[in-house]
Amino acid sequence: MRSAIHDFEVTFPTDDVQVARVRRLTTQHLVAWGLAPLSDDAALLVSELVTNAVRHGVGPVSLCLYAADELRIEVVDGSSEAPTPRRARPEDENGRGLDIVAAVAHRWGVSSSGKLIWCSLSVPGQGGDSYDQLP
């Protein structure tokens, strides 16, 4: 990804009410940046990643958004343990967050040091895959 044209970062306590707040902030920033077509998918991705960090992480959580030829979403918490996807049973109400991220994001991964989980969406018209062509 080339240097970010837009960026945003916020740090917040591990509290469930923060999930809705950062989802709303994500949508507001994407609309302001002219990336409204990405806002629904980005809000879903932020919601899943932040929920995981709030429920399973340690200490404050940070959300970072970077936009250039792709939108990169990063969520960091104080835990040193990488998230591990689990296989949810049909009757389970939880346990599908990383599966949702894998299905919606263009790419995703976890940093090798510390706990930073990231995902990206292609920005339409920036030389990558068209948003309409993503699987």
C-alpha atoms as a PDB file:
ATOM      1  CA  MET A   1       0.000   0.000   0.000  1.00  0.00           C
ATOM      2  CA  ARG A   2       1.359   3.446  -0.844  1.00  0.00           C
ATOM      3  CA  SER A   3       1.502   6.163   1.814  1.00  0.00           C
ATOM      4  CA  ALA A   4      -1.843   6.861   3.412  1.00  0.00           C
ATOM      5  CA  ILE A   5      -3.872   9.698   1.946  1.00  0.00           C
ATOM      6  CA  HIS A   6      -6.133   9.616   4.993  1.00  0.00           C
ATOM      7  CA  ASP A   7      -5.585   8.172   8.437  1.00  0.00           C
ATOM      8  CA  PHE A   8      -7.379   8.027  11.749  1.00  0.00           C
ATOM      9  CA  GLU A   9      -6.472   6.493  15.104  1.00  0.00           C
ATOM     10  CA  VAL A  10      -8.390   6.187  18.348  1.00  0.00           C
ATOM     11  CA  THR A  11      -7.574   4.382  21.605  1.00  0.00           C
ATOM     12  CA  PHE A  12     -10.313   3.347  24.009  1.00  0.00           C
ATOM     13  CA  PRO A  13     -10.920   1.148  27.081  1.00  0.00           C
ATOM     14  CA  THR A  14     -12.022  -2.469  26.833  1.00  0.00           C
ATOM     15  CA  ASP A  15     -15.729  -1.766  27.193  1.00  0.00           C
ATOM     16  CA  ASP A  16     -18.530  -3.208  25.045  1.00  0.00           C
ATOM     17  CA  VAL A  17     -20.081   0.251  24.524  1.00  0.00           C
ATOM     18  CA  GLN A  18     -16.954   1.252  22.596  1.00  0.00           C
ATOM     19  CA  VAL A  19     -17.802  -1.136  19.749  1.00  0.00           C
ATOM     20  CA  ALA A  20     -20.757   0.959  18.562  1.00  0.00           C
ATOM     21  CA  ARG A  21     -18.745   4.164  19.055  1.00  0.00           C
ATOM     22  CA  VAL A  22     -15.802   3.104  16.891  1.00  0.00           C
ATOM     23  CA  ARG A  23     -18.122   1.605  14.278  1.00  0.00           C
ATOM     24  CA  ARG A  24     -19.855   5.011  14.044  1.00  0.00           C
ATOM     25  CA  LEU A  25     -16.499   6.857  13.903  1.00  0.00           C
ATOM     26  CA  THR A  26     -15.342   4.548  11.106  1.00  0.00           C
ATOM     27  CA  THR A  27     -18.425   5.290   9.024  1.00  0.00           C
ATOM     28  CA  GLN A  28     -18.107   9.040   9.637  1.00  0.00           C
ATOM     29  CA  HIS A  29     -14.466   9.082   8.538  1.00  0.00           C
ATOM     30  CA  LEU A  30     -15.054   6.999   5.420  1.00  0.00           C
ATOM     31  CA  VAL A  31     -17.924   9.247   4.330  1.00  0.00           C
ATOM     32  CA  ALA A  32     -15.744  12.335   4.937  1.00  0.00           C
ATOM     33  CA  TRP A  33     -12.925  10.748   2.908  1.00  0.00           C
ATOM     34  CA  GLY A  34     -15.260  10.016  -0.036  1.00  0.00           C
ATOM     35  CA  LEU A  35     -15.210   6.272   0.664  1.00  0.00           C
ATOM     36  CA  ALA A  36     -18.882   5.820   1.561  1.00  0.00           C
ATOM     37  CA  PRO A  37     -19.205   2.700  -0.666  1.00  0.00           C
ATOM     38  CA  LEU A  38     -16.813   0.924   1.730  1.00  0.00           C
ATOM     39  CA  SER A  39     -18.518   2.055   4.921  1.00  0.00           C
ATOM     40  CA  ASP A  40     -20.898  -0.893   5.471  1.00  0.00           C
ATOM     41  CA  ASP A  41     -18.214  -3.550   5.008  1.00  0.00           C
ATOM     42  CA  ALA A  42     -15.660  -1.520   6.976  1.00  0.00           C
ATOM     43  CA  ALA A  43     -18.102  -0.998   9.851  1.00  0.00           C
ATOM     44  CA  LEU A  44     -18.764  -4.747   9.971  1.00  0.00           C
ATOM     45  CA  LEU A  45     -15.031  -5.531   9.970  1.00  0.00           C
ATOM     46  CA  VAL A  46     -14.323  -2.951  12.678  1.00  0.00           C
ATOM     47  CA  SER A  47     -17.192  -4.308  14.746  1.00  0.00           C
ATOM     48  CA  GLU A  48     -15.898  -7.888  14.580  1.00  0.00           C
ATOM     49  CA  LEU A  49     -12.244  -7.020  15.251  1.00  0.00           C
ATOM     50  CA  VAL A  50     -12.964  -4.564  18.056  1.00  0.00           C
ATOM     51  CA  THR A  51     -15.452  -6.941  19.696  1.00  0.00           C
ATOM     52  CA  ASN A  52     -12.771  -9.651  19.725  1.00  0.00           C
ATOM     53  CA  ALA A  53     -10.212  -7.244  21.209  1.00  0.00           C
ATOM     54  CA  VAL A  54     -12.628  -5.997  23.875  1.00  0.00           C
ATOM     55  CA  ARG A  55     -13.723  -9.506  24.874  1.00  0.00           C
ATOM     56  CA  HIS A  56     -10.428 -11.376  24.609  1.00  0.00           C
ATOM     57  CA  GLY A  57      -7.717  -8.711  24.738  1.00  0.00           C
ATOM     58  CA  VAL A  58      -5.880  -6.904  27.491  1.00  0.00           C
ATOM     59  CA  GLY A  59      -5.727  -3.211  28.316  1.00  0.00           C
ATOM     60  CA  PRO A  60      -6.762  -0.389  26.039  1.00  0.00           C
ATOM     61  CA  VAL A  61      -7.579  -1.101  22.398  1.00  0.00           C
ATOM     62  CA  SER A  62      -6.523   1.003  19.407  1.00  0.00           C
ATOM     63  CA  LEU A  63      -8.235   1.244  16.042  1.00  0.00           C
ATOM     64  CA  CYS A  64      -6.273   2.636  13.095  1.00  0.00           C
ATOM     65  CA  LEU A  65      -7.657   3.348   9.630  1.00  0.00           C
ATOM     66  CA  TYR A  66      -5.384   4.077   6.665  1.00  0.00           C
ATOM     67  CA  ALA A  67      -6.727   4.850   3.207  1.00  0.00           C
ATOM     68  CA  ALA A  68      -4.785   5.033  -0.061  1.00  0.00           C
ATOM     69  CA  ASP A  69      -5.070   2.372  -2.778  1.00  0.00           C
ATOM     70  CA  GLU A  70      -6.732   0.193  -0.142  1.00  0.00           C
ATOM     71  CA  LEU A  71      -8.436   0.764   3.171  1.00  0.00           C
ATOM     72  CA  ARG A  72      -6.423  -0.873   5.930  1.00  0.00           C
ATOM     73  CA  ILE A  73      -8.042  -1.466   9.301  1.00  0.00           C
ATOM     74  CA  GLU A  74      -5.818  -2.329  12.270  1.00  0.00           C
ATOM     75  CA  VAL A  75      -6.880  -3.249  15.794  1.00  0.00           C
ATOM     76  CA  VAL A  76      -4.293  -3.549  18.560  1.00  0.00           C
ATOM     77  CA  ASP A  77      -4.662  -4.599  22.184  1.00  0.00           C
ATOM     78  CA  GLY A  78      -2.183  -5.362  24.957  1.00  0.00           C
ATOM     79  CA  SER A  79      -2.346  -9.141  24.704  1.00  0.00           C
ATOM     80  CA  SER A  80       0.629 -11.009  23.271  1.00  0.00           C
ATOM     81  CA  GLU A  81      -1.537 -13.932  22.150  1.00  0.00           C
ATOM     82  CA  ALA A  82      -2.591 -14.013  18.514  1.00  0.00           C
ATOM     83  CA  PRO A  83      -6.290 -14.576  17.922  1.00  0.00           C
ATOM     84  CA  THR A  84      -7.215 -18.121  16.996  1.00  0.00           C
ATOM     85  CA  PRO A  85     -10.259 -18.816  14.860  1.00  0.00           C
ATOM     86  CA  ARG A  86     -12.588 -21.406  16.310  1.00  0.00           C
ATOM     87  CA  ARG A  87     -15.144 -23.581  14.630  1.00  0.00           C
ATOM     88  CA  ALA A  88     -18.554 -22.426  15.803  1.00  0.00           C
ATOM     89  CA  ARG A  89     -21.368 -24.932  15.926  1.00  0.00           C
ATOM     90  CA  PRO A  90     -24.633 -23.972  14.177  1.00  0.00           C
ATOM     91  CA  GLU A  91     -26.340 -23.281  17.518  1.00  0.00           C
ATOM     92  CA  ASP A  92     -23.494 -21.096  18.875  1.00  0.00           C
ATOM     93  CA  GLU A  93     -24.209 -17.379  19.179  1.00  0.00           C
ATOM     94  CA  ASN A  94     -20.507 -16.424  19.118  1.00  0.00           C
ATOM     95  CA  GLY A  95     -17.285 -17.598  17.536  1.00  0.00           C
ATOM     96  CA  ARG A  96     -17.689 -16.452  13.937  1.00  0.00           C
ATOM     97  CA  GLY A  97     -15.885 -13.094  14.054  1.00  0.00           C
ATOM     98  CA  LEU A  98     -12.703 -14.084  12.228  1.00  0.00           C
ATOM     99  CA  ASP A  99     -14.712 -16.144   9.721  1.00  0.00           C
ATOM    100  CA  ILE A 100     -16.725 -13.008   8.942  1.00  0.00           C
ATOM    101  CA  VAL A 101     -13.512 -10.982   8.588  1.00  0.00           C
ATOM    102  CA  ALA A 102     -12.079 -13.601   6.208  1.00  0.00           C
ATOM    103  CA  ALA A 103     -15.267 -13.582   4.123  1.00  0.00           C
ATOM    104  CA  VAL A 104     -15.657  -9.795   3.867  1.00  0.00           C
ATOM    105  CA  ALA A 105     -12.084  -8.461   3.758  1.00  0.00           C
ATOM    106  CA  HIS A 106      -9.949  -8.487   0.626  1.00  0.00           C
ATOM    107  CA  ARG A 107      -7.022  -9.637   2.801  1.00  0.00           C
ATOM    108  CA  TRP A 108      -6.391 -10.052   6.525  1.00  0.00           C
ATOM    109  CA  GLY A 109      -3.706 -11.180   8.919  1.00  0.00           C
ATOM    110  CA  VAL A 110      -2.001 -10.894  12.284  1.00  0.00           C
ATOM    111  CA  SER A 111       1.356  -9.252  13.022  1.00  0.00           C
ATOM    112  CA  SER A 112       4.232 -11.471  14.072  1.00  0.00           C
ATOM    113  CA  SER A 113       5.035  -9.381  17.150  1.00  0.00           C
ATOM    114  CA  GLY A 114       2.439  -8.333  19.662  1.00  0.00           C
ATOM    115  CA  LYS A 115      -1.231  -8.466  18.897  1.00  0.00           C
ATOM    116  CA  LEU A 116      -2.148  -6.415  15.893  1.00  0.00           C
ATOM    117  CA  ILE A 117      -4.821  -7.836  13.623  1.00  0.00           C
ATOM    118  CA  TRP A 118      -5.428  -6.138  10.313  1.00  0.00           C
ATOM    119  CA  CYS A 119      -7.634  -6.412   7.267  1.00  0.00           C
ATOM    120  CA  SER A 120      -8.056  -4.468   4.068  1.00  0.00           C
ATOM    121  CA  LEU A 121     -10.650  -3.552   1.488  1.00  0.00           C
ATOM    122  CA  SER A 122      -9.836  -2.382  -2.034  1.00  0.00           C
ATOM    123  CA  VAL A 123     -10.599   1.261  -2.736  1.00  0.00           C
ATOM    124  CA  PRO A 124     -12.530   1.647  -6.010  1.00  0.00           C
ATOM    125  CA  GLY A 125     -10.595   3.374  -8.777  1.00  0.00           C
ATOM    126  CA  GLN A 126      -7.178   3.080  -7.101  1.00  0.00           C
ATOM    127  CA  GLY A 127      -5.602   0.536  -9.417  1.00  0.00           C
ATOM    128  CA  GLY A 128      -6.441  -2.552  -7.371  1.00  0.00           C
ATOM    129  CA  ASP A 129      -9.463  -4.750  -7.713  1.00  0.00           C
ATOM    130  CA  SER A 130     -12.681  -2.839  -8.145  1.00  0.00           C
ATOM    131  CA  TYR A 131     -14.847  -2.906  -5.046  1.00  0.00           C
ATOM    132  CA  ASP A 132     -17.671  -4.320  -7.188  1.00  0.00           C
ATOM    133  CA  GLN A 133     -15.430  -7.209  -8.292  1.00  0.00           C
ATOM    134  CA  LEU A 134     -14.462  -8.434  -4.828  1.00  0.00           C
ATOM    135  CA  PRO A 135     -15.702 -11.918  -3.991  1.00  0.00           C
END
